[in-house]
Amino acid sequence: MIKAELSDDPADADRPQTARYAQKREQIIQTAARLFNTLGVRGATLDDIASDVGMNLTSIRHYFRRKEDIVSAAFQDSIAAHAERFERAREGGDREARVRRLVHEYFDMRRSIRAGESPEVMIFGDIRSLNAQHAAEVWPRYIDLFRTVRSILKSPAADNEDRLVLSARTHFVMSQLIRSVFWLPAYPAESVDRVERMFTDILFNGLAAPGQVLRDAPPEEPQEQPRQTAWEGFLLAATRLINEQGYRGASVERIAAELNRTKGAFYHHVEGKGDLVVACFNRTLGLLQNAQNHAVASETTGLAQAYAAVSTLVRRQQTPAGPLLRNSALMSVDMAQREPMQRQMAQVITRFADMATDAQLDGSGRLCDARIAGEMLMVTVSSAAQLKGWADGSNAENAVDLYVRPMFHGLFA
């Protein structure tokens, strides 16, 4: 594994950078990554990390002054581990062979971590929680990772390949791979090889049976939109801030200031940030369920139902009426609140899987693993919130073609 660079804390310059020091520092990072992945960046404290490593707070501050320094180092280590794997996929072969190698390298990394052969690496869900100083260190490296994947997907024979399409596909592939870390643990270690095969099959071939034509039929909107309440506007602004800046960047004060309201106007709705995330989640859950209900009521095949629901939600994410709360935001609430929310989200994913199953039964869909298809449909919806940031020029009009059709017809269809 490529090691992350040492902290930029000036005090580090006076510390002896011995092999023992570097080894202990790496142990702290790996322990912190495991705790952050389990408890969230907010939930895991510096004291938790020190205790797990067998140190006290004074001793651990010899290596990292603040928890934020460990968070940054853990992200940099994770990016380096992914980059080392992804670089291998750039070696030779045509575009399809490179993407297959990319998928294999990612799943092999997850296999190796599960078997204890490689250290745990940080999940990227909380990467937006970084403060400005650490974001300046981490984000350029993550962008380089995106560029590596984009070069893997690029066709050598197409010098004038549409950059918008290529960037959207890159975001799609990266999102499907990196967010699989949230659902892959549900499978036993012995099944990971099979999961990789089923995942790759859907990625390349999509969900639609040969000859199926999917037409955009957005649900009819009422001619007069109901007036948005102050609370609804508050939740929308809060969801956007949490998605863009993580839990740290969203506060009642900041959201109220964006809406030109006093924070006191909202405190009778929420007591703190944890309640704010729960309220944003409940809004998102309602939108997901409504889209699924409308699709089932208006479409006759399982494939058309899945396509209609996902298209509606992805398109919404590109408009002022969006976005939906990122699933990774659930890591910012305590376990007692998180578990029922995760169960509710699992029901949404199961319903997507049921649509994929129905599509196979009615002949509109290909034979595939419906459970994995449900997870990938949910990732398509949730990751669409960041589509504009990675594919400059994407909007509500072209998002379905750019981002939804690859899920149904295959990555390079």
Protein backbone atom coordinates (compact mmCIF):
# COMPACT_ATOMS: atom_id res chain seq x y z
CA MET A 1 0.00 0.00 0.00
CA ILE A 2 1.26 3.49 -0.85
CA LYS A 3 1.68 5.49 2.34
CA ALA A 4 -0.06 8.82 2.84
CA GLU A 5 2.18 11.84 3.24
CA LEU A 6 2.91 13.02 6.75
CA SER A 7 0.82 15.74 8.33
CA ASP A 8 1.54 19.31 7.34
CA ASP A 9 1.57 20.28 11.01
CA PRO A 10 4.78 22.37 11.44
CA ALA A 11 5.50 20.51 14.64
CA ASP A 12 6.09 17.35 12.60
CA ALA A 13 9.34 18.79 11.32
CA ASP A 14 10.83 18.51 14.81
CA ARG A 15 9.74 14.92 15.36
CA PRO A 16 12.02 11.97 14.69
CA GLN A 17 10.67 10.21 11.56
CA THR A 18 12.03 6.79 12.47
CA ALA A 19 10.74 3.50 11.06
CA ARG A 20 9.08 2.82 14.41
CA TYR A 21 7.41 6.22 14.35
CA ALA A 22 6.11 5.66 10.82
CA GLN A 23 4.84 2.19 11.72
CA LYS A 24 2.94 3.48 14.75
CA ARG A 25 1.54 6.35 12.74
CA GLU A 26 0.24 3.94 10.11
CA GLN A 27 -1.32 1.78 12.83
CA ILE A 28 -3.19 4.82 14.13
CA ILE A 29 -4.46 5.66 10.64
CA GLN A 30 -5.64 2.10 9.99
CA THR A 31 -7.39 1.89 13.36
CA ALA A 32 -9.01 5.26 12.79
CA ALA A 33 -10.22 4.22 9.32
CA ARG A 34 -11.94 1.18 10.80
CA LEU A 35 -13.62 3.25 13.52
CA PHE A 36 -14.63 6.01 11.12
CA ASN A 37 -16.14 3.43 8.77
CA THR A 38 -18.17 1.96 11.63
CA LEU A 39 -19.09 5.01 13.69
CA GLY A 40 -18.75 7.80 11.14
CA VAL A 41 -16.28 10.67 11.27
CA ARG A 42 -18.49 12.48 13.73
CA GLY A 43 -19.10 9.44 15.91
CA ALA A 44 -15.52 8.24 16.40
CA THR A 45 -13.57 10.43 18.82
CA LEU A 46 -9.85 10.93 19.24
CA ASP A 47 -10.19 9.19 22.61
CA ASP A 48 -11.80 6.16 20.89
CA ILE A 49 -8.88 5.94 18.48
CA ALA A 50 -6.26 6.33 21.20
CA SER A 51 -7.93 3.68 23.37
CA ASP A 52 -8.16 1.20 20.48
CA VAL A 53 -4.46 1.64 19.70
CA GLY A 54 -3.52 1.32 23.39
CA MET A 55 -2.41 4.93 23.83
CA ASN A 56 -3.55 7.94 25.80
CA LEU A 57 -4.52 11.28 24.29
CA THR A 58 -1.18 12.87 25.10
CA SER A 59 0.71 10.08 23.33
CA ILE A 60 -1.48 10.04 20.23
CA ARG A 61 -1.05 13.80 19.85
CA HIS A 62 2.63 13.13 19.33
CA TYR A 63 1.50 11.79 15.93
CA PHE A 64 -1.64 13.83 15.22
CA ARG A 65 -2.60 17.08 16.92
CA ARG A 66 -6.31 16.83 16.07
CA LYS A 67 -8.81 14.23 14.97
CA GLU A 68 -9.18 16.16 11.71
CA ASP A 69 -5.51 15.45 10.95
CA ILE A 70 -6.16 11.70 11.25
CA VAL A 71 -9.27 11.98 9.07
CA SER A 72 -7.24 13.67 6.34
CA ALA A 73 -4.44 11.12 6.57
CA ALA A 74 -6.92 8.22 6.46
CA PHE A 75 -8.53 9.62 3.31
CA GLN A 76 -5.14 10.09 1.69
CA ASP A 77 -4.16 6.50 2.53
CA SER A 78 -7.45 5.26 1.09
CA ILE A 79 -7.03 7.24 -2.11
CA ALA A 80 -3.48 5.90 -2.46
CA ALA A 81 -4.70 2.30 -2.00
CA HIS A 82 -7.41 2.76 -4.63
CA ALA A 83 -5.01 4.52 -7.00
CA GLU A 84 -2.49 1.69 -6.76
CA ARG A 85 -5.19 -0.79 -7.75
CA PHE A 86 -6.77 1.39 -10.44
CA GLU A 87 -3.43 2.10 -12.11
CA ARG A 88 -3.09 -1.62 -12.86
CA ALA A 89 -6.29 -1.48 -14.90
CA ARG A 90 -4.70 1.03 -17.27
CA GLU A 91 -2.16 -1.52 -18.43
CA GLY A 92 -2.95 -2.76 -21.93
CA GLY A 93 -6.09 -4.25 -23.42
CA ASP A 94 -9.05 -2.57 -25.04
CA ARG A 95 -11.52 -0.40 -23.17
CA GLU A 96 -13.76 -3.27 -22.10
CA ALA A 97 -10.81 -5.31 -20.85
CA ARG A 98 -9.56 -2.34 -18.83
CA VAL A 99 -12.94 -1.79 -17.19
CA ARG A 100 -13.22 -5.47 -16.34
CA ARG A 101 -9.76 -5.27 -14.77
CA LEU A 102 -10.84 -2.16 -12.86
CA VAL A 103 -13.85 -3.98 -11.40
CA HIS A 104 -11.72 -7.00 -10.54
CA GLU A 105 -9.08 -4.88 -8.81
CA TYR A 106 -11.71 -3.16 -6.69
CA PHE A 107 -13.43 -6.37 -5.63
CA ASP A 108 -10.06 -8.01 -5.02
CA MET A 109 -9.15 -5.15 -2.71
CA ARG A 110 -12.37 -5.66 -0.76
CA ARG A 111 -11.67 -9.42 -0.62
CA SER A 112 -8.16 -8.78 0.66
CA ILE A 113 -9.37 -6.37 3.36
CA ARG A 114 -12.05 -8.79 4.50
CA ALA A 115 -9.50 -11.62 4.74
CA GLY A 116 -7.18 -9.44 6.83
CA GLU A 117 -4.52 -9.50 4.15
CA SER A 118 -4.73 -5.73 3.58
CA PRO A 119 -5.45 -2.94 6.05
CA GLU A 120 -8.87 -1.32 6.22
CA VAL A 121 -9.21 1.82 4.14
CA MET A 122 -11.45 4.80 4.66
CA ILE A 123 -14.87 4.84 3.01
CA PHE A 124 -15.31 8.00 0.95
CA GLY A 125 -18.81 8.82 2.18
CA ASP A 126 -17.64 11.47 4.65
CA ILE A 127 -15.04 13.07 2.39
CA ARG A 128 -17.12 16.25 2.25
CA SER A 129 -16.74 16.64 6.01
CA LEU A 130 -13.16 17.91 5.61
CA ASN A 131 -12.37 21.45 6.62
CA ALA A 132 -10.87 23.83 4.08
CA GLN A 133 -7.24 23.08 4.97
CA HIS A 134 -7.58 19.32 4.72
CA ALA A 135 -9.90 19.47 1.72
CA ALA A 136 -7.12 21.28 -0.13
CA GLU A 137 -4.84 18.30 0.60
CA VAL A 138 -7.31 15.50 -0.14
CA TRP A 139 -9.57 16.63 -2.97
CA PRO A 140 -6.87 17.07 -5.65
CA ARG A 141 -5.84 13.46 -5.05
CA TYR A 142 -9.42 12.25 -5.30
CA ILE A 143 -9.82 14.19 -8.55
CA ASP A 144 -6.69 12.45 -9.86
CA LEU A 145 -8.36 9.13 -9.01
CA PHE A 146 -11.37 10.19 -11.09
CA ARG A 147 -9.07 11.08 -13.99
CA THR A 148 -7.45 7.65 -13.79
CA VAL A 149 -10.83 5.96 -14.13
CA ARG A 150 -11.79 8.30 -16.96
CA SER A 151 -8.64 7.31 -18.85
CA ILE A 152 -9.60 3.64 -18.39
CA LEU A 153 -13.03 4.27 -19.93
CA LYS A 154 -11.74 6.39 -22.78
CA SER A 155 -11.72 4.73 -26.19
CA PRO A 156 -8.24 4.99 -27.79
CA ALA A 157 -9.83 5.08 -31.25
CA ALA A 158 -12.09 8.05 -30.42
CA ASP A 159 -9.94 11.17 -30.21
CA ASN A 160 -13.05 13.36 -30.27
CA GLU A 161 -15.02 11.30 -27.75
CA ASP A 162 -17.76 13.35 -26.10
CA ARG A 163 -16.17 14.52 -22.84
CA LEU A 164 -19.56 15.01 -21.17
CA VAL A 165 -20.59 11.42 -21.90
CA LEU A 166 -17.21 10.09 -20.82
CA SER A 167 -17.24 12.04 -17.54
CA ALA A 168 -20.80 10.94 -16.76
CA ARG A 169 -19.87 7.31 -17.39
CA THR A 170 -16.79 7.71 -15.21
CA HIS A 171 -18.86 9.07 -12.34
CA PHE A 172 -21.33 6.21 -12.86
CA VAL A 173 -18.62 3.53 -12.70
CA MET A 174 -16.81 5.08 -9.73
CA SER A 175 -20.07 5.50 -7.82
CA GLN A 176 -21.14 1.92 -8.46
CA LEU A 177 -17.77 0.58 -7.34
CA ILE A 178 -17.04 2.78 -4.36
CA ARG A 179 -20.59 2.73 -2.97
CA SER A 180 -20.74 -1.05 -3.17
CA VAL A 181 -18.84 -0.96 0.10
CA PHE A 182 -22.17 -0.21 1.81
CA TRP A 183 -23.93 -3.35 0.52
CA LEU A 184 -21.13 -5.83 -0.19
CA PRO A 185 -20.69 -6.78 3.52
CA ALA A 186 -24.16 -8.36 3.42
CA TYR A 187 -22.67 -11.18 1.33
CA PRO A 188 -20.48 -13.90 2.85
CA ALA A 189 -16.82 -13.87 1.89
CA GLU A 190 -17.32 -17.04 -0.15
CA SER A 191 -19.80 -15.20 -2.41
CA VAL A 192 -17.65 -12.20 -3.35
CA ASP A 193 -16.37 -13.84 -6.56
CA ARG A 194 -19.95 -14.47 -7.66
CA VAL A 195 -21.00 -10.94 -6.72
CA GLU A 196 -18.18 -9.58 -8.87
CA ARG A 197 -19.41 -11.61 -11.86
CA MET A 198 -23.02 -10.54 -11.40
CA PHE A 199 -22.04 -6.90 -10.87
CA THR A 200 -19.86 -6.92 -14.01
CA ASP A 201 -22.65 -8.52 -16.03
CA ILE A 202 -25.11 -5.75 -15.12
CA LEU A 203 -22.50 -3.02 -15.59
CA PHE A 204 -21.76 -4.12 -19.17
CA ASN A 205 -25.16 -5.42 -20.28
CA GLY A 206 -27.67 -3.44 -18.24
CA LEU A 207 -31.11 -4.63 -17.16
CA ALA A 208 -33.13 -4.41 -20.39
CA ALA A 209 -33.79 -7.47 -22.52
CA PRO A 210 -32.55 -7.20 -26.13
CA GLY A 211 -34.86 -5.11 -28.28
CA GLN A 212 -36.53 -3.29 -25.40
CA VAL A 213 -37.08 0.40 -26.12
CA LEU A 214 -37.38 2.65 -23.09
CA ARG A 215 -39.14 5.95 -23.64
CA ASP A 216 -39.05 8.90 -21.32
CA ALA A 217 -42.45 9.53 -19.85
CA PRO A 218 -41.99 11.85 -16.89
CA PRO A 219 -44.91 11.89 -14.48
CA GLU A 220 -47.40 14.67 -15.07
CA GLU A 221 -46.90 17.57 -12.74
CA PRO A 222 -49.87 19.54 -11.45
CA GLN A 223 -50.36 22.80 -13.34
CA GLU A 224 -50.11 24.76 -10.11
CA GLN A 225 -47.39 23.64 -7.78
CA PRO A 226 -48.33 23.75 -4.09
CA ARG A 227 -46.63 26.59 -2.31
CA GLN A 228 -43.48 25.49 -0.51
CA THR A 229 -43.63 25.95 3.25
CA ALA A 230 -40.77 27.50 5.18
CA TRP A 231 -40.02 24.10 6.73
CA GLU A 232 -39.87 22.40 3.32
CA GLY A 233 -37.50 25.09 2.08
CA PHE A 234 -35.39 24.60 5.17
CA LEU A 235 -35.12 20.83 4.57
CA LEU A 236 -34.23 21.38 0.93
CA ALA A 237 -31.46 23.81 1.84
CA ALA A 238 -30.23 21.51 4.61
CA THR A 239 -30.11 18.50 2.27
CA ARG A 240 -28.14 20.45 -0.29
CA LEU A 241 -25.62 21.65 2.30
CA ILE A 242 -25.16 18.19 3.85
CA ASN A 243 -24.60 16.70 0.39
CA GLU A 244 -22.11 19.38 -0.64
CA GLN A 245 -20.22 19.98 2.60
CA GLY A 246 -20.96 17.04 4.83
CA TYR A 247 -22.35 17.10 8.32
CA ARG A 248 -19.80 19.68 9.44
CA GLY A 249 -20.85 22.22 6.82
CA ALA A 250 -24.55 22.16 7.65
CA SER A 251 -25.78 24.06 10.67
CA VAL A 252 -29.17 25.50 11.56
CA GLU A 253 -27.59 28.95 11.63
CA ARG A 254 -26.05 28.65 8.18
CA ILE A 255 -29.17 27.18 6.59
CA ALA A 256 -31.38 29.86 8.13
CA ALA A 257 -28.99 32.55 6.87
CA GLU A 258 -29.24 31.18 3.31
CA LEU A 259 -33.01 31.48 3.52
CA ASN A 260 -32.90 34.92 5.18
CA ARG A 261 -34.68 33.55 8.22
CA THR A 262 -33.80 33.47 11.89
CA LYS A 263 -32.58 30.19 13.31
CA GLY A 264 -35.22 30.40 16.01
CA ALA A 265 -37.89 29.86 13.35
CA PHE A 266 -36.71 26.27 12.91
CA TYR A 267 -35.71 25.17 16.39
CA HIS A 268 -39.24 24.06 17.21
CA HIS A 269 -38.83 21.50 14.39
CA VAL A 270 -35.35 20.21 15.32
CA GLU A 271 -33.36 20.22 18.53
CA GLY A 272 -29.98 19.60 16.96
CA LYS A 273 -28.06 18.40 13.93
CA GLY A 274 -28.92 14.76 14.49
CA ASP A 275 -32.62 15.59 14.27
CA LEU A 276 -31.91 17.68 11.18
CA VAL A 277 -30.37 14.70 9.34
CA VAL A 278 -33.33 12.52 10.35
CA ALA A 279 -35.78 15.12 9.01
CA CYS A 280 -33.86 15.37 5.72
CA PHE A 281 -33.83 11.58 5.47
CA ASN A 282 -37.59 11.37 6.00
CA ARG A 283 -38.10 13.90 3.20
CA THR A 284 -35.88 11.84 0.90
CA LEU A 285 -37.58 8.58 1.87
CA GLY A 286 -40.96 10.07 0.97
CA LEU A 287 -39.72 11.19 -2.45
CA LEU A 288 -38.23 7.76 -3.17
CA GLN A 289 -41.41 5.96 -2.18
CA ASN A 290 -43.63 8.36 -4.13
CA ALA A 291 -41.56 7.85 -7.30
CA GLN A 292 -41.76 4.09 -6.94
CA ASN A 293 -45.50 4.14 -6.23
CA HIS A 294 -46.20 6.34 -9.25
CA ALA A 295 -44.06 4.15 -11.52
CA VAL A 296 -45.81 0.95 -10.43
CA ALA A 297 -49.22 2.55 -10.92
CA SER A 298 -48.47 3.99 -14.36
CA GLU A 299 -46.23 1.37 -16.05
CA THR A 300 -47.07 -2.21 -17.03
CA THR A 301 -43.68 -3.95 -17.08
CA GLY A 302 -41.08 -4.32 -14.36
CA LEU A 303 -38.43 -2.75 -16.57
CA ALA A 304 -40.55 0.29 -17.38
CA GLN A 305 -41.40 0.73 -13.70
CA ALA A 306 -37.75 0.70 -12.67
CA TYR A 307 -36.81 3.04 -15.52
CA ALA A 308 -39.62 5.49 -14.75
CA ALA A 309 -38.84 5.62 -11.03
CA VAL A 310 -35.08 6.03 -11.47
CA SER A 311 -35.48 8.57 -14.29
CA THR A 312 -37.86 10.69 -12.24
CA LEU A 313 -35.50 10.74 -9.27
CA VAL A 314 -32.30 11.34 -11.27
CA ARG A 315 -33.97 14.16 -13.21
CA ARG A 316 -35.22 15.70 -9.96
CA GLN A 317 -31.69 15.71 -8.57
CA GLN A 318 -30.66 18.13 -11.34
CA THR A 319 -33.38 20.69 -10.54
CA PRO A 320 -33.99 23.20 -7.75
CA ALA A 321 -36.56 20.73 -6.37
CA GLY A 322 -33.75 18.29 -5.58
CA PRO A 323 -31.57 16.92 -4.18
CA LEU A 324 -32.07 13.72 -2.23
CA LEU A 325 -29.98 13.13 0.87
CA ARG A 326 -26.88 11.01 0.25
CA ASN A 327 -27.06 7.60 1.95
CA SER A 328 -23.66 8.18 3.55
CA ALA A 329 -25.16 11.04 5.58
CA LEU A 330 -26.74 8.41 7.83
CA MET A 331 -23.27 7.81 9.28
CA SER A 332 -23.58 11.16 11.06
CA VAL A 333 -26.43 10.05 13.35
CA ASP A 334 -26.10 7.69 16.30
CA MET A 335 -26.74 3.98 15.90
CA ALA A 336 -30.12 4.07 17.64
CA GLN A 337 -31.43 6.49 15.01
CA ARG A 338 -29.43 5.03 12.13
CA GLU A 339 -30.66 1.44 12.27
CA PRO A 340 -34.38 2.11 11.62
CA MET A 341 -33.42 4.54 8.84
CA GLN A 342 -31.23 1.89 7.22
CA ARG A 343 -34.10 -0.62 7.42
CA GLN A 344 -36.41 1.82 5.67
CA MET A 345 -33.84 2.45 2.95
CA ALA A 346 -33.41 -1.31 2.56
CA GLN A 347 -37.13 -1.54 1.78
CA VAL A 348 -36.70 0.98 -1.06
CA ILE A 349 -33.80 -1.04 -2.44
CA THR A 350 -35.81 -4.26 -2.13
CA ARG A 351 -38.60 -2.69 -4.15
CA PHE A 352 -36.12 -1.82 -6.92
CA ALA A 353 -34.96 -5.44 -6.80
CA ASP A 354 -38.58 -6.59 -7.08
CA MET A 355 -38.96 -4.48 -10.23
CA ALA A 356 -35.88 -6.18 -11.70
CA THR A 357 -37.36 -9.58 -10.83
CA ASP A 358 -40.73 -8.65 -12.36
CA ALA A 359 -38.92 -7.50 -15.51
CA GLN A 360 -37.36 -10.93 -15.89
CA LEU A 361 -40.71 -12.63 -15.33
CA ASP A 362 -42.60 -10.48 -17.85
CA GLY A 363 -39.80 -10.69 -20.42
CA SER A 364 -38.82 -7.01 -20.44
CA GLY A 365 -35.64 -7.58 -18.47
CA ARG A 366 -32.49 -9.66 -18.88
CA LEU A 367 -31.70 -12.54 -16.58
CA CYS A 368 -29.50 -11.05 -13.87
CA ASP A 369 -29.08 -10.95 -10.12
CA ALA A 370 -32.08 -8.85 -9.08
CA ARG A 371 -30.73 -8.22 -5.58
CA ILE A 372 -27.55 -6.66 -6.95
CA ALA A 373 -29.59 -4.83 -9.58
CA GLY A 374 -31.65 -3.24 -6.81
CA GLU A 375 -28.50 -1.98 -5.07
CA MET A 376 -27.12 -0.59 -8.33
CA LEU A 377 -30.39 1.18 -9.15
CA MET A 378 -30.29 2.85 -5.75
CA VAL A 379 -26.68 3.93 -6.28
CA THR A 380 -27.67 5.41 -9.66
CA VAL A 381 -30.30 7.52 -7.94
CA SER A 382 -28.25 8.63 -4.95
CA SER A 383 -25.03 9.40 -6.84
CA ALA A 384 -26.88 11.54 -9.40
CA ALA A 385 -26.82 14.36 -6.86
CA GLN A 386 -23.11 14.86 -7.70
CA LEU A 387 -23.46 14.41 -11.46
CA LYS A 388 -23.17 18.12 -12.27
CA GLY A 389 -19.96 18.37 -10.30
CA TRP A 390 -18.25 15.61 -12.26
CA ALA A 391 -19.86 16.00 -15.69
CA ASP A 392 -19.92 19.69 -16.57
CA GLY A 393 -22.88 20.33 -18.85
CA SER A 394 -25.25 17.74 -17.38
CA ASN A 395 -28.74 18.99 -16.57
CA ALA A 396 -32.33 17.86 -16.09
CA GLU A 397 -32.83 17.51 -19.85
CA ASN A 398 -29.87 15.21 -20.57
CA ALA A 399 -29.32 13.46 -17.22
CA VAL A 400 -31.46 10.44 -18.12
CA ASP A 401 -29.57 9.77 -21.36
CA LEU A 402 -26.23 10.38 -19.69
CA TYR A 403 -26.74 8.55 -16.43
CA VAL A 404 -29.81 6.32 -16.43
CA ARG A 405 -29.66 4.60 -19.81
CA PRO A 406 -26.23 3.02 -19.11
CA MET A 407 -27.84 1.26 -16.15
CA PHE A 408 -30.53 -0.22 -18.37
CA HIS A 409 -28.72 -0.80 -21.66
CA GLY A 410 -25.12 -1.25 -20.51
CA LEU A 411 -22.12 0.97 -19.98
CA PHE A 412 -21.05 1.23 -23.61
CA ALA A 413 -24.40 0.63 -25.35
